[in-house]
C-alpha atoms as a PDB file:
ATOM      1  CA  UNK A   1       0.000   0.000   0.000  1.00  0.00           C
ATOM      2  CA  UNK A   2       1.527   3.280  -1.049  1.00  0.00           C
ATOM      3  CA  UNK A   3       1.208   6.674   0.611  1.00  0.00           C
ATOM      4  CA  UNK A   4      -1.734   7.806  -1.544  1.00  0.00           C
ATOM      5  CA  UNK A   5      -3.705   4.683  -0.651  1.00  0.00           C
ATOM      6  CA  UNK A   6      -3.038   5.329   3.023  1.00  0.00           C
ATOM      7  CA  UNK A   7      -4.348   8.883   2.646  1.00  0.00           C
ATOM      8  CA  UNK A   8      -7.480   7.604   0.918  1.00  0.00           C
ATOM      9  CA  UNK A   9      -8.061   5.013   3.648  1.00  0.00           C
ATOM     10  CA  UNK A  10      -7.583   7.632   6.341  1.00  0.00           C
ATOM     11  CA  UNK A  11     -10.014  10.008   4.614  1.00  0.00           C
ATOM     12  CA  UNK A  12     -12.594   7.215   4.357  1.00  0.00           C
ATOM     13  CA  UNK A  13     -12.146   6.474   8.056  1.00  0.00           C
ATOM     14  CA  UNK A  14     -12.543  10.147   8.972  1.00  0.00           C
ATOM     15  CA  UNK A  15     -15.611  10.565   6.744  1.00  0.00           C
ATOM     16  CA  UNK A  16     -17.412   7.440   7.944  1.00  0.00           C
ATOM     17  CA  UNK A  17     -19.352   8.993  10.849  1.00  0.00           C
ATOM     18  CA  UNK A  18     -20.673  11.767   8.612  1.00  0.00           C
ATOM     19  CA  UNK A  19     -21.745   9.967   5.438  1.00  0.00           C
ATOM     20  CA  UNK A  20     -25.067   8.285   4.804  1.00  0.00           C
ATOM     21  CA  UNK A  21     -23.943   5.718   2.227  1.00  0.00           C
ATOM     22  CA  UNK A  22     -20.511   4.646   3.477  1.00  0.00           C
ATOM     23  CA  UNK A  23     -20.362   1.286   1.680  1.00  0.00           C
ATOM     24  CA  UNK A  24     -21.328   2.889  -1.619  1.00  0.00           C
ATOM     25  CA  UNK A  25     -18.747   5.637  -1.115  1.00  0.00           C
ATOM     26  CA  UNK A  26     -16.025   3.147  -0.209  1.00  0.00           C
ATOM     27  CA  UNK A  27     -16.821   1.064  -3.285  1.00  0.00           C
ATOM     28  CA  UNK A  28     -16.747   4.129  -5.544  1.00  0.00           C
ATOM     29  CA  UNK A  29     -13.468   5.376  -4.071  1.00  0.00           C
ATOM     30  CA  UNK A  30     -11.777   1.977  -4.438  1.00  0.00           C
ATOM     31  CA  UNK A  31     -13.034   1.593  -8.004  1.00  0.00           C
ATOM     32  CA  UNK A  32     -11.865   5.058  -9.043  1.00  0.00           C
ATOM     33  CA  UNK A  33      -8.488   4.550  -7.363  1.00  0.00           C
ATOM     34  CA  UNK A  34      -7.960   1.325  -9.327  1.00  0.00           C
ATOM     35  CA  UNK A  35      -8.767   3.164 -12.575  1.00  0.00           C
ATOM     36  CA  UNK A  36      -6.536   6.155 -11.859  1.00  0.00           C
ATOM     37  CA  UNK A  37      -2.853   6.577 -12.601  1.00  0.00           C
ATOM     38  CA  UNK A  38      -2.106   8.875  -9.674  1.00  0.00           C
ATOM     39  CA  UNK A  39      -3.756  11.099  -7.067  1.00  0.00           C
ATOM     40  CA  UNK A  40      -4.408  13.913  -9.542  1.00  0.00           C
ATOM     41  CA  UNK A  41      -6.181  11.536 -11.915  1.00  0.00           C
ATOM     42  CA  UNK A  42      -8.139  10.068  -8.990  1.00  0.00           C
ATOM     43  CA  UNK A  43      -9.336  13.520  -7.922  1.00  0.00           C
ATOM     44  CA  UNK A  44     -10.366  14.330 -11.492  1.00  0.00           C
ATOM     45  CA  UNK A  45     -12.387  11.118 -11.734  1.00  0.00           C
ATOM     46  CA  UNK A  46     -13.967  11.799  -8.355  1.00  0.00           C
ATOM     47  CA  UNK A  47     -14.932  15.336  -9.412  1.00  0.00           C
ATOM     48  CA  UNK A  48     -16.575  13.915 -12.540  1.00  0.00           C
ATOM     49  CA  UNK A  49     -18.517  11.472 -10.387  1.00  0.00           C
ATOM     50  CA  UNK A  50     -19.508  14.309  -8.060  1.00  0.00           C
ATOM     51  CA  UNK A  51     -21.073  16.203 -10.969  1.00  0.00           C
ATOM     52  CA  UNK A  52     -23.092  13.129 -11.993  1.00  0.00           C
ATOM     53  CA  UNK A  53     -24.171  12.068  -8.499  1.00  0.00           C
ATOM     54  CA  UNK A  54     -27.488  12.991  -6.979  1.00  0.00           C
ATOM     55  CA  UNK A  55     -28.184  14.021  -3.418  1.00  0.00           C
ATOM     56  CA  UNK A  56     -27.693  12.745  -0.774  1.00  0.00           C
ATOM     57  CA  UNK A  57     -24.759  10.743  -2.217  1.00  0.00           C
ATOM     58  CA  UNK A  58     -23.269  13.922  -3.672  1.00  0.00           C
ATOM     59  CA  UNK A  59     -22.905  15.241  -0.131  1.00  0.00           C
ATOM     60  CA  UNK A  60     -21.133  12.033   0.903  1.00  0.00           C
ATOM     61  CA  UNK A  61     -18.585  12.531  -1.878  1.00  0.00           C
ATOM     62  CA  UNK A  62     -18.074  16.158  -0.813  1.00  0.00           C
ATOM     63  CA  UNK A  63     -17.478  15.086   2.784  1.00  0.00           C
ATOM     64  CA  UNK A  64     -14.887  12.556   1.632  1.00  0.00           C
ATOM     65  CA  UNK A  65     -13.153  15.186  -0.493  1.00  0.00           C
ATOM     66  CA  UNK A  66     -13.053  17.612   2.429  1.00  0.00           C
ATOM     67  CA  UNK A  67     -11.491  14.973   4.678  1.00  0.00           C
ATOM     68  CA  UNK A  68      -8.959  14.080   1.994  1.00  0.00           C
ATOM     69  CA  UNK A  69      -7.954  17.743   1.576  1.00  0.00           C
ATOM     70  CA  UNK A  70      -7.341  18.129   5.318  1.00  0.00           C
ATOM     71  CA  UNK A  71      -5.111  15.061   5.572  1.00  0.00           C
END
């Protein structure tokens, strides 16, 4: 597990108490990470997903992004 994966795991852990659909978020994050080449690509893919998502899942993605930015 590289440093970026550790950051993603930590952000998921920090976001867990605040998100409504944790399992769905975790699945999305893992899937996008596997598809991405690096953290910048991952964030781009996540932003694209954020634009397509509907509430309340959109808020879950935002919470995850906020936690990731703080770490």
